[in-house]
Amino acid sequence: MATDVEPFVPINIAVLTISDSRTQATDKSGKLLCDRLTTTGHQLAEKAIVPDDIYQIRATVSRWVADATIQAIITTGGTGITGRDGTPESIKPLLDKELQGFGELFRMLSYQDIKTSSLHSRALAGVANRTYIFCLPGSSGACQMGWDAIIQPQLDSSHRPCNLADLMPRLQE
């Protein structure tokens, strides 16, 4: 009996927390993302915390993008609009392609919980050197919603009708 369901394929994912105040002990959002990705069968490639500094963010993400073993990166923090929030400015120059629907979908889902406060988020995603990058806000609620509702299904090769995981082999075409 033939089946059109693809088997689950684990992905190596790095998690970056961007914060001037969080430590490994107080990083709830980074821990939540690490727990969620490993619980669903993916592998944690690396986890780091960097301050809200455009160049430190870009340096860490650039190193991970250059590492062929890292297939996806999730950042948490720095997507707001205050003076220290620079994650989008750090990441956008690295992207080969932006997944504009990610930010739109994230804000639409956020609106259900936080109404018009969702416009404060500059969540974004894209592809850089065959690596998916997802930038989430710093709150653990935002990370949970972003992972559960968007990222996890799209990084699951068995998700239908389509997913980002299936496209990974074609990212360098």
C-alpha atoms as a PDB file:
ATOM      1  CA  MET A   1       0.000   0.000   0.000  1.00  0.00           C
ATOM      2  CA  ALA A   2       1.534   3.293  -1.112  1.00  0.00           C
ATOM      3  CA  THR A   3       1.463   6.358   1.090  1.00  0.00           C
ATOM      4  CA  ASP A   4       2.040   9.993   0.258  1.00  0.00           C
ATOM      5  CA  VAL A   5       3.139  10.878   3.792  1.00  0.00           C
ATOM      6  CA  GLU A   6       6.823  11.686   3.943  1.00  0.00           C
ATOM      7  CA  PRO A   7       8.830  10.453   6.927  1.00  0.00           C
ATOM      8  CA  PHE A   8       9.918  12.979   9.537  1.00  0.00           C
ATOM      9  CA  VAL A   9      13.510  14.153   8.944  1.00  0.00           C
ATOM     10  CA  PRO A  10      15.287  15.829  11.891  1.00  0.00           C
ATOM     11  CA  ILE A  11      16.871  19.216  11.238  1.00  0.00           C
ATOM     12  CA  ASN A  12      19.920  20.726  12.977  1.00  0.00           C
ATOM     13  CA  ILE A  13      18.745  23.998  14.517  1.00  0.00           C
ATOM     14  CA  ALA A  14      20.737  26.699  16.326  1.00  0.00           C
ATOM     15  CA  VAL A  15      19.031  28.995  18.844  1.00  0.00           C
ATOM     16  CA  LEU A  16      20.221  32.549  19.537  1.00  0.00           C
ATOM     17  CA  THR A  17      18.864  34.662  22.365  1.00  0.00           C
ATOM     18  CA  ILE A  18      19.408  38.384  21.888  1.00  0.00           C
ATOM     19  CA  SER A  19      19.319  40.243  25.168  1.00  0.00           C
ATOM     20  CA  ASP A  20      21.311  42.659  27.294  1.00  0.00           C
ATOM     21  CA  SER A  21      19.962  41.119  30.494  1.00  0.00           C
ATOM     22  CA  ARG A  22      19.316  37.394  30.038  1.00  0.00           C
ATOM     23  CA  THR A  23      21.720  34.698  31.137  1.00  0.00           C
ATOM     24  CA  GLN A  24      21.629  30.926  30.597  1.00  0.00           C
ATOM     25  CA  ALA A  25      19.813  30.687  33.950  1.00  0.00           C
ATOM     26  CA  THR A  26      17.160  33.320  33.119  1.00  0.00           C
ATOM     27  CA  ASP A  27      16.683  32.662  29.398  1.00  0.00           C
ATOM     28  CA  LYS A  28      13.130  31.267  29.396  1.00  0.00           C
ATOM     29  CA  SER A  29      12.511  31.874  25.696  1.00  0.00           C
ATOM     30  CA  GLY A  30      15.723  30.237  24.499  1.00  0.00           C
ATOM     31  CA  LYS A  31      15.114  27.264  26.786  1.00  0.00           C
ATOM     32  CA  LEU A  32      11.527  26.956  25.543  1.00  0.00           C
ATOM     33  CA  LEU A  33      12.699  26.868  21.914  1.00  0.00           C
ATOM     34  CA  CYS A  34      15.430  24.306  22.674  1.00  0.00           C
ATOM     35  CA  ASP A  35      12.972  22.105  24.576  1.00  0.00           C
ATOM     36  CA  ARG A  36      10.336  22.340  21.870  1.00  0.00           C
ATOM     37  CA  LEU A  37      12.659  21.580  18.975  1.00  0.00           C
ATOM     38  CA  THR A  38      14.253  18.577  20.667  1.00  0.00           C
ATOM     39  CA  THR A  39      10.882  17.254  21.867  1.00  0.00           C
ATOM     40  CA  THR A  40       9.642  17.224  18.274  1.00  0.00           C
ATOM     41  CA  GLY A  41      12.696  15.259  17.132  1.00  0.00           C
ATOM     42  CA  HIS A  42      15.013  17.959  15.784  1.00  0.00           C
ATOM     43  CA  GLN A  43      18.597  18.386  16.985  1.00  0.00           C
ATOM     44  CA  LEU A  44      19.953  21.404  18.820  1.00  0.00           C
ATOM     45  CA  ALA A  45      23.092  22.337  16.884  1.00  0.00           C
ATOM     46  CA  GLU A  46      24.145  25.170  19.187  1.00  0.00           C
ATOM     47  CA  LYS A  47      22.687  27.711  21.608  1.00  0.00           C
ATOM     48  CA  ALA A  48      24.085  31.154  22.415  1.00  0.00           C
ATOM     49  CA  ILE A  49      23.167  34.450  24.044  1.00  0.00           C
ATOM     50  CA  VAL A  50      24.451  37.741  22.652  1.00  0.00           C
ATOM     51  CA  PRO A  51      23.689  41.331  23.665  1.00  0.00           C
ATOM     52  CA  ASP A  52      21.458  43.640  21.619  1.00  0.00           C
ATOM     53  CA  ASP A  53      24.346  44.619  19.373  1.00  0.00           C
ATOM     54  CA  ILE A  54      23.899  44.472  15.601  1.00  0.00           C
ATOM     55  CA  TYR A  55      27.458  43.326  14.947  1.00  0.00           C
ATOM     56  CA  GLN A  56      27.530  40.594  17.607  1.00  0.00           C
ATOM     57  CA  ILE A  57      24.182  39.280  16.368  1.00  0.00           C
ATOM     58  CA  ARG A  58      25.360  39.343  12.758  1.00  0.00           C
ATOM     59  CA  ALA A  59      28.701  37.700  13.630  1.00  0.00           C
ATOM     60  CA  THR A  60      27.057  34.770  15.408  1.00  0.00           C
ATOM     61  CA  VAL A  61      24.397  34.245  12.753  1.00  0.00           C
ATOM     62  CA  SER A  62      26.995  34.597   9.960  1.00  0.00           C
ATOM     63  CA  ARG A  63      29.141  31.902  11.572  1.00  0.00           C
ATOM     64  CA  TRP A  64      26.135  29.583  11.807  1.00  0.00           C
ATOM     65  CA  VAL A  65      25.041  30.329   8.233  1.00  0.00           C
ATOM     66  CA  ALA A  66      28.547  29.385   7.046  1.00  0.00           C
ATOM     67  CA  ASP A  67      28.387  26.070   8.956  1.00  0.00           C
ATOM     68  CA  ALA A  68      27.004  23.464   6.548  1.00  0.00           C
ATOM     69  CA  THR A  69      25.751  21.322   9.445  1.00  0.00           C
ATOM     70  CA  ILE A  70      23.325  24.011  10.686  1.00  0.00           C
ATOM     71  CA  GLN A  71      20.125  23.951   8.641  1.00  0.00           C
ATOM     72  CA  ALA A  72      17.991  26.456  10.556  1.00  0.00           C
ATOM     73  CA  ILE A  73      18.469  29.261  13.055  1.00  0.00           C
ATOM     74  CA  ILE A  74      15.874  30.650  15.429  1.00  0.00           C
ATOM     75  CA  THR A  75      16.540  33.941  17.184  1.00  0.00           C
ATOM     76  CA  THR A  76      14.545  35.347  20.057  1.00  0.00           C
ATOM     77  CA  GLY A  77      14.619  38.987  21.090  1.00  0.00           C
ATOM     78  CA  GLY A  78      15.424  42.335  19.540  1.00  0.00           C
ATOM     79  CA  THR A  79      12.459  42.495  17.152  1.00  0.00           C
ATOM     80  CA  GLY A  80      10.714  45.428  18.827  1.00  0.00           C
ATOM     81  CA  ILE A  81      11.021  49.120  18.066  1.00  0.00           C
ATOM     82  CA  THR A  82      13.182  50.502  20.867  1.00  0.00           C
ATOM     83  CA  GLY A  83      16.647  51.888  20.290  1.00  0.00           C
ATOM     84  CA  ARG A  84      18.379  48.632  21.289  1.00  0.00           C
ATOM     85  CA  ASP A  85      16.131  46.398  19.132  1.00  0.00           C
ATOM     86  CA  GLY A  86      18.270  45.629  16.107  1.00  0.00           C
ATOM     87  CA  THR A  87      17.652  42.020  15.151  1.00  0.00           C
ATOM     88  CA  PRO A  88      15.944  42.777  11.804  1.00  0.00           C
ATOM     89  CA  GLU A  89      18.722  45.228  10.873  1.00  0.00           C
ATOM     90  CA  SER A  90      21.288  42.552  11.781  1.00  0.00           C
ATOM     91  CA  ILE A  91      19.670  39.737   9.833  1.00  0.00           C
ATOM     92  CA  LYS A  92      18.175  41.334   6.697  1.00  0.00           C
ATOM     93  CA  PRO A  93      21.557  42.056   5.032  1.00  0.00           C
ATOM     94  CA  LEU A  94      22.444  38.365   5.394  1.00  0.00           C
ATOM     95  CA  LEU A  95      19.311  37.060   3.684  1.00  0.00           C
ATOM     96  CA  ASP A  96      19.331  35.774   0.141  1.00  0.00           C
ATOM     97  CA  LYS A  97      15.532  35.668   0.229  1.00  0.00           C
ATOM     98  CA  GLU A  98      13.029  36.968   2.755  1.00  0.00           C
ATOM     99  CA  LEU A  99       9.931  34.928   3.630  1.00  0.00           C
ATOM    100  CA  GLN A 100       7.655  37.943   3.940  1.00  0.00           C
ATOM    101  CA  GLY A 101       4.618  35.854   4.823  1.00  0.00           C
ATOM    102  CA  PHE A 102       6.281  34.761   8.073  1.00  0.00           C
ATOM    103  CA  GLY A 103       6.111  38.189   9.697  1.00  0.00           C
ATOM    104  CA  GLU A 104       2.619  38.770   8.365  1.00  0.00           C
ATOM    105  CA  LEU A 105       1.375  35.418   9.664  1.00  0.00           C
ATOM    106  CA  PHE A 106       3.144  35.893  13.001  1.00  0.00           C
ATOM    107  CA  ARG A 107       1.481  39.273  13.548  1.00  0.00           C
ATOM    108  CA  MET A 108      -1.914  37.926  12.455  1.00  0.00           C
ATOM    109  CA  LEU A 109      -1.686  35.098  14.993  1.00  0.00           C
ATOM    110  CA  SER A 110      -0.357  37.476  17.672  1.00  0.00           C
ATOM    111  CA  TYR A 111      -3.288  39.783  17.084  1.00  0.00           C
ATOM    112  CA  GLN A 112      -5.604  37.058  18.372  1.00  0.00           C
ATOM    113  CA  ASP A 113      -3.880  37.298  21.782  1.00  0.00           C
ATOM    114  CA  ILE A 114      -2.473  40.811  22.096  1.00  0.00           C
ATOM    115  CA  LYS A 115      -4.593  42.762  19.627  1.00  0.00           C
ATOM    116  CA  THR A 116      -3.010  45.926  18.227  1.00  0.00           C
ATOM    117  CA  SER A 117       0.154  45.437  20.301  1.00  0.00           C
ATOM    118  CA  SER A 118       1.107  42.889  17.641  1.00  0.00           C
ATOM    119  CA  LEU A 119       2.230  45.719  15.369  1.00  0.00           C
ATOM    120  CA  HIS A 120       5.218  46.283  17.689  1.00  0.00           C
ATOM    121  CA  SER A 121       6.759  43.027  16.450  1.00  0.00           C
ATOM    122  CA  ARG A 122       9.131  42.997  13.518  1.00  0.00           C
ATOM    123  CA  ALA A 123       9.320  39.183  13.377  1.00  0.00           C
ATOM    124  CA  LEU A 124      10.867  38.007  10.141  1.00  0.00           C
ATOM    125  CA  ALA A 125      12.249  34.958   8.377  1.00  0.00           C
ATOM    126  CA  GLY A 126      14.296  34.137   5.331  1.00  0.00           C
ATOM    127  CA  VAL A 127      17.014  32.026   3.790  1.00  0.00           C
ATOM    128  CA  ALA A 128      20.749  32.720   3.875  1.00  0.00           C
ATOM    129  CA  ASN A 129      23.227  30.327   2.264  1.00  0.00           C
ATOM    130  CA  ARG A 130      20.708  27.441   2.339  1.00  0.00           C
ATOM    131  CA  THR A 131      19.911  28.068   6.039  1.00  0.00           C
ATOM    132  CA  TYR A 132      16.474  29.076   7.250  1.00  0.00           C
ATOM    133  CA  ILE A 133      16.481  31.956   9.750  1.00  0.00           C
ATOM    134  CA  PHE A 134      13.461  32.757  11.917  1.00  0.00           C
ATOM    135  CA  CYS A 135      13.504  35.878  14.127  1.00  0.00           C
ATOM    136  CA  LEU A 136      10.988  35.854  16.970  1.00  0.00           C
ATOM    137  CA  PRO A 137      10.265  38.369  19.725  1.00  0.00           C
ATOM    138  CA  GLY A 138      11.824  37.793  23.136  1.00  0.00           C
ATOM    139  CA  SER A 139       8.742  36.834  25.117  1.00  0.00           C
ATOM    140  CA  SER A 140       8.243  33.154  25.834  1.00  0.00           C
ATOM    141  CA  GLY A 141       4.596  33.432  24.735  1.00  0.00           C
ATOM    142  CA  ALA A 142       5.676  34.758  21.343  1.00  0.00           C
ATOM    143  CA  CYS A 143       8.283  31.996  21.011  1.00  0.00           C
ATOM    144  CA  GLN A 144       5.773  29.322  21.926  1.00  0.00           C
ATOM    145  CA  MET A 145       3.218  30.608  19.424  1.00  0.00           C
ATOM    146  CA  GLY A 146       5.850  31.112  16.700  1.00  0.00           C
ATOM    147  CA  TRP A 147       7.240  27.613  17.125  1.00  0.00           C
ATOM    148  CA  ASP A 148       3.948  25.775  17.624  1.00  0.00           C
ATOM    149  CA  ALA A 149       1.871  27.549  14.976  1.00  0.00           C
ATOM    150  CA  ILE A 150       4.410  28.312  12.237  1.00  0.00           C
ATOM    151  CA  ILE A 151       7.979  27.040  12.539  1.00  0.00           C
ATOM    152  CA  GLN A 152       7.399  23.489  13.791  1.00  0.00           C
ATOM    153  CA  PRO A 153       4.881  22.552  11.091  1.00  0.00           C
ATOM    154  CA  GLN A 154       7.042  24.105   8.367  1.00  0.00           C
ATOM    155  CA  LEU A 155      10.187  22.287   9.526  1.00  0.00           C
ATOM    156  CA  ASP A 156       8.300  18.976   9.606  1.00  0.00           C
ATOM    157  CA  SER A 157       8.834  17.077   6.364  1.00  0.00           C
ATOM    158  CA  SER A 158       5.558  15.199   6.894  1.00  0.00           C
ATOM    159  CA  HIS A 159       3.448  18.392   7.085  1.00  0.00           C
ATOM    160  CA  ARG A 160       1.057  18.773   4.157  1.00  0.00           C
ATOM    161  CA  PRO A 161       0.233  20.246   1.742  1.00  0.00           C
ATOM    162  CA  CYS A 162       3.778  21.646   1.769  1.00  0.00           C
ATOM    163  CA  ASN A 163       6.602  22.612   4.091  1.00  0.00           C
ATOM    164  CA  LEU A 164       9.978  24.323   4.135  1.00  0.00           C
ATOM    165  CA  ALA A 165      11.820  21.141   5.144  1.00  0.00           C
ATOM    166  CA  ASP A 166      11.078  19.497   1.778  1.00  0.00           C
ATOM    167  CA  LEU A 167      12.614  22.480  -0.012  1.00  0.00           C
ATOM    168  CA  MET A 168      15.977  22.279   1.774  1.00  0.00           C
ATOM    169  CA  PRO A 169      17.732  20.204  -0.911  1.00  0.00           C
ATOM    170  CA  ARG A 170      16.691  22.769  -3.536  1.00  0.00           C
ATOM    171  CA  LEU A 171      17.833  25.923  -1.721  1.00  0.00           C
ATOM    172  CA  GLN A 172      21.115  26.059  -3.655  1.00  0.00           C
ATOM    173  CA  GLU A 173      19.634  25.655  -7.136  1.00  0.00           C
END
